[in-house]
Amino acid sequence: MAELVVVGFDNPTDADRVLTELTRLQKEYLIDLEDAVVAIRAQDGTVRVKQSVNLVKLGATSGGLSGAMWGSLIGLLFLNPIAGLAIGGAVGAGSGALSGSMIDYGINDDFIKSIGDTLKPDTSALFLLIRKSQPEKVLAELKGFKGHVIRSSLSPEQEAKLQAALAQAHPPSPSDGMEAAGAVAAQPT
């Protein structure tokens, strides 16, 4: 069973940075993500959602491949497998792209929008649907990011461990360095 975790960040870029780190950890087989979404609330209050899985592209690819295979087989019956391959591939890609744009995969879009609407301006949230993970190793890697758990389906003990790892101070980001430099320059000498 997959676990849902929503983590909020006080910076609009931190959710992207954590997702990049989790993608690296996924390549090392420390975590297996079923779905991941970043929601960023801009200064003007608009919420931008970035899906990690492009369903239109995925649907077009799989539809095109299966359409080409079926088109070739049907084309063999009519002694024209090349035309069947081309027509079947085109029809399959089109129908796959259409179905990919209409399907809701992983985390519910309405849930993402409802949480995104509660974010403060200039903040972000990371929505994760986790199949399995090595919690101790993943938490050790995430200690550098400051965030707070908004919602999760984890056990209370697991959620407390995640919150403790996210509550630790994080290294300054480049934008923090610019703000500190501006504050030092503004001080009278």
C-alpha atoms as a PDB file:
ATOM      1  CA  MET A   1       0.000   0.000   0.000  1.00  0.00           C
ATOM      2  CA  ALA A   2       1.317   3.420  -0.925  1.00  0.00           C
ATOM      3  CA  GLU A   3       1.742   6.186   1.649  1.00  0.00           C
ATOM      4  CA  LEU A   4       0.698   9.781   0.970  1.00  0.00           C
ATOM      5  CA  VAL A   5       2.866  12.584   2.368  1.00  0.00           C
ATOM      6  CA  VAL A   6       2.368  16.328   1.852  1.00  0.00           C
ATOM      7  CA  VAL A   7       5.229  18.555   2.997  1.00  0.00           C
ATOM      8  CA  GLY A   8       5.039  22.352   3.022  1.00  0.00           C
ATOM      9  CA  PHE A   9       8.017  24.678   2.579  1.00  0.00           C
ATOM     10  CA  ASP A  10       8.410  28.398   3.338  1.00  0.00           C
ATOM     11  CA  ASN A  11      10.312  28.915   0.092  1.00  0.00           C
ATOM     12  CA  PRO A  12       8.830  28.530  -3.413  1.00  0.00           C
ATOM     13  CA  THR A  13      11.892  26.576  -4.644  1.00  0.00           C
ATOM     14  CA  ASP A  14      12.410  24.101  -1.801  1.00  0.00           C
ATOM     15  CA  ALA A  15       9.725  21.631  -2.943  1.00  0.00           C
ATOM     16  CA  ASP A  16      11.458  21.359  -6.345  1.00  0.00           C
ATOM     17  CA  ARG A  17      14.835  20.905  -4.665  1.00  0.00           C
ATOM     18  CA  VAL A  18      13.517  18.111  -2.425  1.00  0.00           C
ATOM     19  CA  LEU A  19      11.879  16.392  -5.410  1.00  0.00           C
ATOM     20  CA  THR A  20      15.208  16.538  -7.256  1.00  0.00           C
ATOM     21  CA  GLU A  21      16.905  14.954  -4.239  1.00  0.00           C
ATOM     22  CA  LEU A  22      14.215  12.256  -4.020  1.00  0.00           C
ATOM     23  CA  THR A  23      14.640  11.516  -7.730  1.00  0.00           C
ATOM     24  CA  ARG A  24      18.344  10.951  -7.073  1.00  0.00           C
ATOM     25  CA  LEU A  25      17.472   8.671  -4.143  1.00  0.00           C
ATOM     26  CA  GLN A  26      15.043   6.781  -6.380  1.00  0.00           C
ATOM     27  CA  LYS A  27      17.899   6.025  -8.783  1.00  0.00           C
ATOM     28  CA  GLU A  28      19.786   4.598  -5.787  1.00  0.00           C
ATOM     29  CA  TYR A  29      16.722   2.415  -4.935  1.00  0.00           C
ATOM     30  CA  LEU A  30      16.246   4.057  -1.526  1.00  0.00           C
ATOM     31  CA  ILE A  31      12.713   5.212  -2.318  1.00  0.00           C
ATOM     32  CA  ASP A  32      10.081   4.170  -4.847  1.00  0.00           C
ATOM     33  CA  LEU A  33       7.735   7.025  -5.785  1.00  0.00           C
ATOM     34  CA  GLU A  34       4.457   6.213  -7.468  1.00  0.00           C
ATOM     35  CA  ASP A  35       3.660   9.897  -8.023  1.00  0.00           C
ATOM     36  CA  ALA A  36       5.061  13.266  -7.018  1.00  0.00           C
ATOM     37  CA  VAL A  37       3.587  16.737  -7.511  1.00  0.00           C
ATOM     38  CA  VAL A  38       4.924  20.190  -6.654  1.00  0.00           C
ATOM     39  CA  ALA A  39       2.475  23.014  -5.908  1.00  0.00           C
ATOM     40  CA  ILE A  40       3.830  26.563  -5.796  1.00  0.00           C
ATOM     41  CA  ARG A  41       1.741  29.509  -4.629  1.00  0.00           C
ATOM     42  CA  ALA A  42       2.960  32.729  -6.227  1.00  0.00           C
ATOM     43  CA  GLN A  43       2.992  36.172  -4.618  1.00  0.00           C
ATOM     44  CA  ASP A  44      -0.263  37.071  -6.419  1.00  0.00           C
ATOM     45  CA  GLY A  45      -2.017  33.987  -4.977  1.00  0.00           C
ATOM     46  CA  THR A  46      -2.091  31.806  -8.085  1.00  0.00           C
ATOM     47  CA  VAL A  47      -1.180  28.161  -7.598  1.00  0.00           C
ATOM     48  CA  ARG A  48       1.023  26.446 -10.181  1.00  0.00           C
ATOM     49  CA  VAL A  49       1.027  22.633 -10.160  1.00  0.00           C
ATOM     50  CA  LYS A  50       3.903  20.661 -11.666  1.00  0.00           C
ATOM     51  CA  GLN A  51       3.196  16.968 -12.276  1.00  0.00           C
ATOM     52  CA  SER A  52       6.128  14.558 -12.296  1.00  0.00           C
ATOM     53  CA  VAL A  53       4.384  12.150 -14.689  1.00  0.00           C
ATOM     54  CA  ASN A  54       3.363  13.528 -18.093  1.00  0.00           C
ATOM     55  CA  LEU A  55       0.241  11.442 -18.773  1.00  0.00           C
ATOM     56  CA  VAL A  56      -0.366  12.792 -22.282  1.00  0.00           C
ATOM     57  CA  LYS A  57       3.129  11.776 -23.409  1.00  0.00           C
ATOM     58  CA  LEU A  58       2.881   8.428 -21.617  1.00  0.00           C
ATOM     59  CA  GLY A  59      -0.533   7.719 -23.158  1.00  0.00           C
ATOM     60  CA  ALA A  60       0.589   8.735 -26.655  1.00  0.00           C
ATOM     61  CA  THR A  61       3.675   6.528 -26.450  1.00  0.00           C
ATOM     62  CA  SER A  62       1.923   3.426 -25.155  1.00  0.00           C
ATOM     63  CA  GLY A  63      -1.083   3.986 -27.433  1.00  0.00           C
ATOM     64  CA  GLY A  64       1.160   4.446 -30.457  1.00  0.00           C
ATOM     65  CA  LEU A  65       3.077   1.248 -29.756  1.00  0.00           C
ATOM     66  CA  SER A  66      -0.004  -0.884 -29.163  1.00  0.00           C
ATOM     67  CA  GLY A  67      -1.790   0.714 -32.151  1.00  0.00           C
ATOM     68  CA  ALA A  68       1.178  -0.015 -34.407  1.00  0.00           C
ATOM     69  CA  MET A  69       1.269  -3.632 -33.264  1.00  0.00           C
ATOM     70  CA  TRP A  70      -2.473  -4.179 -33.782  1.00  0.00           C
ATOM     71  CA  GLY A  71      -2.398  -2.242 -37.052  1.00  0.00           C
ATOM     72  CA  SER A  72       0.379  -4.490 -38.354  1.00  0.00           C
ATOM     73  CA  LEU A  73      -1.523  -7.626 -37.415  1.00  0.00           C
ATOM     74  CA  ILE A  74      -4.716  -6.395 -39.052  1.00  0.00           C
ATOM     75  CA  GLY A  75      -2.665  -5.174 -42.035  1.00  0.00           C
ATOM     76  CA  LEU A  76      -1.328  -8.703 -42.459  1.00  0.00           C
ATOM     77  CA  LEU A  77      -4.887  -9.940 -42.902  1.00  0.00           C
ATOM     78  CA  PHE A  78      -5.403  -7.496 -45.779  1.00  0.00           C
ATOM     79  CA  LEU A  79      -1.877  -8.059 -47.179  1.00  0.00           C
ATOM     80  CA  ASN A  80      -0.692  -4.521 -46.359  1.00  0.00           C
ATOM     81  CA  PRO A  81       1.143  -4.573 -42.989  1.00  0.00           C
ATOM     82  CA  ILE A  82       3.023  -1.286 -43.637  1.00  0.00           C
ATOM     83  CA  ALA A  83      -0.210   0.706 -44.052  1.00  0.00           C
ATOM     84  CA  GLY A  84      -1.675  -1.060 -41.017  1.00  0.00           C
ATOM     85  CA  LEU A  85       1.426  -0.143 -38.991  1.00  0.00           C
ATOM     86  CA  ALA A  86       1.203   3.540 -39.961  1.00  0.00           C
ATOM     87  CA  ILE A  87      -2.565   3.877 -39.541  1.00  0.00           C
ATOM     88  CA  GLY A  88      -2.647   1.837 -36.329  1.00  0.00           C
ATOM     89  CA  GLY A  89       0.261   3.809 -34.850  1.00  0.00           C
ATOM     90  CA  ALA A  90      -1.382   7.143 -35.625  1.00  0.00           C
ATOM     91  CA  VAL A  91      -4.787   6.128 -34.286  1.00  0.00           C
ATOM     92  CA  GLY A  92      -3.219   4.527 -31.196  1.00  0.00           C
ATOM     93  CA  ALA A  93      -1.075   7.588 -30.429  1.00  0.00           C
ATOM     94  CA  GLY A  94      -4.049   9.918 -30.789  1.00  0.00           C
ATOM     95  CA  SER A  95      -6.361   7.856 -28.621  1.00  0.00           C
ATOM     96  CA  GLY A  96      -3.579   7.269 -26.064  1.00  0.00           C
ATOM     97  CA  ALA A  97      -2.876  10.994 -25.799  1.00  0.00           C
ATOM     98  CA  LEU A  98      -6.580  11.716 -25.392  1.00  0.00           C
ATOM     99  CA  SER A  99      -7.010   9.111 -22.669  1.00  0.00           C
ATOM    100  CA  GLY A 100      -3.808  10.291 -20.954  1.00  0.00           C
ATOM    101  CA  SER A 101      -5.140  13.835 -20.772  1.00  0.00           C
ATOM    102  CA  MET A 102      -8.396  12.674 -19.184  1.00  0.00           C
ATOM    103  CA  ILE A 103      -7.080  10.127 -16.671  1.00  0.00           C
ATOM    104  CA  ASP A 104      -6.273  11.026 -13.054  1.00  0.00           C
ATOM    105  CA  TYR A 105      -3.231   9.000 -12.064  1.00  0.00           C
ATOM    106  CA  GLY A 106      -1.786   8.833  -8.569  1.00  0.00           C
ATOM    107  CA  ILE A 107      -2.620  11.774  -6.331  1.00  0.00           C
ATOM    108  CA  ASN A 108      -6.110  13.223  -6.796  1.00  0.00           C
ATOM    109  CA  ASP A 109      -6.022  16.592  -8.596  1.00  0.00           C
ATOM    110  CA  ASP A 110      -8.844  18.043  -6.484  1.00  0.00           C
ATOM    111  CA  PHE A 111      -6.893  17.188  -3.316  1.00  0.00           C
ATOM    112  CA  ILE A 112      -3.785  18.913  -4.708  1.00  0.00           C
ATOM    113  CA  LYS A 113      -5.785  22.042  -5.581  1.00  0.00           C
ATOM    114  CA  SER A 114      -7.489  22.169  -2.179  1.00  0.00           C
ATOM    115  CA  ILE A 115      -4.168  21.973  -0.316  1.00  0.00           C
ATOM    116  CA  GLY A 116      -2.533  24.384  -2.799  1.00  0.00           C
ATOM    117  CA  ASP A 117      -5.238  26.959  -2.087  1.00  0.00           C
ATOM    118  CA  THR A 118      -4.355  26.894   1.627  1.00  0.00           C
ATOM    119  CA  LEU A 119      -0.664  27.691   1.053  1.00  0.00           C
ATOM    120  CA  LYS A 120       0.644  31.140   1.937  1.00  0.00           C
ATOM    121  CA  PRO A 121       2.011  33.282  -0.922  1.00  0.00           C
ATOM    122  CA  ASP A 122       5.641  32.548  -1.882  1.00  0.00           C
ATOM    123  CA  THR A 123       5.548  29.028  -0.457  1.00  0.00           C
ATOM    124  CA  SER A 124       5.441  25.545  -1.946  1.00  0.00           C
ATOM    125  CA  ALA A 125       4.286  22.032  -1.126  1.00  0.00           C
ATOM    126  CA  LEU A 126       5.476  18.623  -2.233  1.00  0.00           C
ATOM    127  CA  PHE A 127       2.925  15.824  -2.627  1.00  0.00           C
ATOM    128  CA  LEU A 128       4.422  12.325  -2.567  1.00  0.00           C
ATOM    129  CA  LEU A 129       2.813   8.942  -3.113  1.00  0.00           C
ATOM    130  CA  ILE A 130       5.455   6.517  -1.853  1.00  0.00           C
ATOM    131  CA  ARG A 131       5.301   2.802  -2.692  1.00  0.00           C
ATOM    132  CA  LYS A 132       8.222   1.831  -0.458  1.00  0.00           C
ATOM    133  CA  SER A 133      11.343   3.376   1.015  1.00  0.00           C
ATOM    134  CA  GLN A 134      14.306   2.973   3.309  1.00  0.00           C
ATOM    135  CA  PRO A 135      13.083   5.548   5.879  1.00  0.00           C
ATOM    136  CA  GLU A 136      16.285   5.968   7.890  1.00  0.00           C
ATOM    137  CA  LYS A 137      18.442   6.585   4.818  1.00  0.00           C
ATOM    138  CA  VAL A 138      15.904   8.874   3.137  1.00  0.00           C
ATOM    139  CA  LEU A 139      15.388  10.931   6.309  1.00  0.00           C
ATOM    140  CA  ALA A 140      19.151  11.293   6.706  1.00  0.00           C
ATOM    141  CA  GLU A 141      19.303  12.782   3.194  1.00  0.00           C
ATOM    142  CA  LEU A 142      16.374  15.152   3.824  1.00  0.00           C
ATOM    143  CA  LYS A 143      17.760  16.644   7.047  1.00  0.00           C
ATOM    144  CA  GLY A 144      19.122  19.580   5.050  1.00  0.00           C
ATOM    145  CA  PHE A 145      15.648  20.862   4.097  1.00  0.00           C
ATOM    146  CA  LYS A 146      13.361  22.795   6.410  1.00  0.00           C
ATOM    147  CA  GLY A 147       9.701  21.982   6.004  1.00  0.00           C
ATOM    148  CA  HIS A 148       6.590  20.862   7.860  1.00  0.00           C
ATOM    149  CA  VAL A 149       4.252  17.939   7.343  1.00  0.00           C
ATOM    150  CA  ILE A 150       0.862  19.211   6.185  1.00  0.00           C
ATOM    151  CA  ARG A 151      -0.835  15.838   5.812  1.00  0.00           C
ATOM    152  CA  SER A 152       0.207  12.188   5.686  1.00  0.00           C
ATOM    153  CA  SER A 153      -1.035   8.637   5.888  1.00  0.00           C
ATOM    154  CA  LEU A 154       2.035   7.611   7.883  1.00  0.00           C
ATOM    155  CA  SER A 155       1.856   6.170  11.366  1.00  0.00           C
ATOM    156  CA  PRO A 156       2.271   8.775  14.141  1.00  0.00           C
ATOM    157  CA  GLU A 157       5.792   7.512  14.881  1.00  0.00           C
ATOM    158  CA  GLN A 158       6.866   7.721  11.222  1.00  0.00           C
ATOM    159  CA  GLU A 159       5.322  11.174  10.862  1.00  0.00           C
ATOM    160  CA  ALA A 160       7.159  12.395  13.976  1.00  0.00           C
ATOM    161  CA  LYS A 161      10.474  11.128  12.572  1.00  0.00           C
ATOM    162  CA  LEU A 162       9.820  12.893   9.261  1.00  0.00           C
ATOM    163  CA  GLN A 163       8.847  16.129  11.019  1.00  0.00           C
ATOM    164  CA  ALA A 164      11.992  15.960  13.184  1.00  0.00           C
ATOM    165  CA  ALA A 165      14.194  15.497  10.115  1.00  0.00           C
ATOM    166  CA  LEU A 166      12.532  18.421   8.317  1.00  0.00           C
ATOM    167  CA  ALA A 167      12.621  20.725  11.346  1.00  0.00           C
ATOM    168  CA  GLN A 168      16.414  20.859  11.442  1.00  0.00           C
ATOM    169  CA  ALA A 169      18.138  23.911   9.985  1.00  0.00           C
ATOM    170  CA  HIS A 170      18.981  23.748   6.304  1.00  0.00           C
ATOM    171  CA  PRO A 171      22.006  25.176   4.501  1.00  0.00           C
ATOM    172  CA  PRO A 172      21.363  28.660   3.107  1.00  0.00           C
ATOM    173  CA  SER A 173      20.045  28.838  -0.417  1.00  0.00           C
ATOM    174  CA  PRO A 174      21.496  31.272  -2.982  1.00  0.00           C
ATOM    175  CA  SER A 175      18.523  33.607  -2.422  1.00  0.00           C
ATOM    176  CA  ASP A 176      19.265  33.631   1.322  1.00  0.00           C
ATOM    177  CA  GLY A 177      22.830  34.682   0.526  1.00  0.00           C
ATOM    178  CA  MET A 178      21.596  37.587  -1.602  1.00  0.00           C
ATOM    179  CA  GLU A 179      19.276  38.766   1.182  1.00  0.00           C
ATOM    180  CA  ALA A 180      22.077  38.567   3.744  1.00  0.00           C
ATOM    181  CA  ALA A 181      24.430  40.490   1.450  1.00  0.00           C
ATOM    182  CA  GLY A 182      21.791  43.191   1.003  1.00  0.00           C
ATOM    183  CA  ALA A 183      21.283  43.452   4.761  1.00  0.00           C
ATOM    184  CA  VAL A 184      25.044  43.801   5.363  1.00  0.00           C
ATOM    185  CA  ALA A 185      25.341  46.455   2.643  1.00  0.00           C
ATOM    186  CA  ALA A 186      22.441  48.428   4.143  1.00  0.00           C
ATOM    187  CA  GLN A 187      24.072  48.616   7.604  1.00  0.00           C
ATOM    188  CA  PRO A 188      25.879  51.899   8.383  1.00  0.00           C
ATOM    189  CA  THR A 189      29.647  51.578   8.813  1.00  0.00           C
END
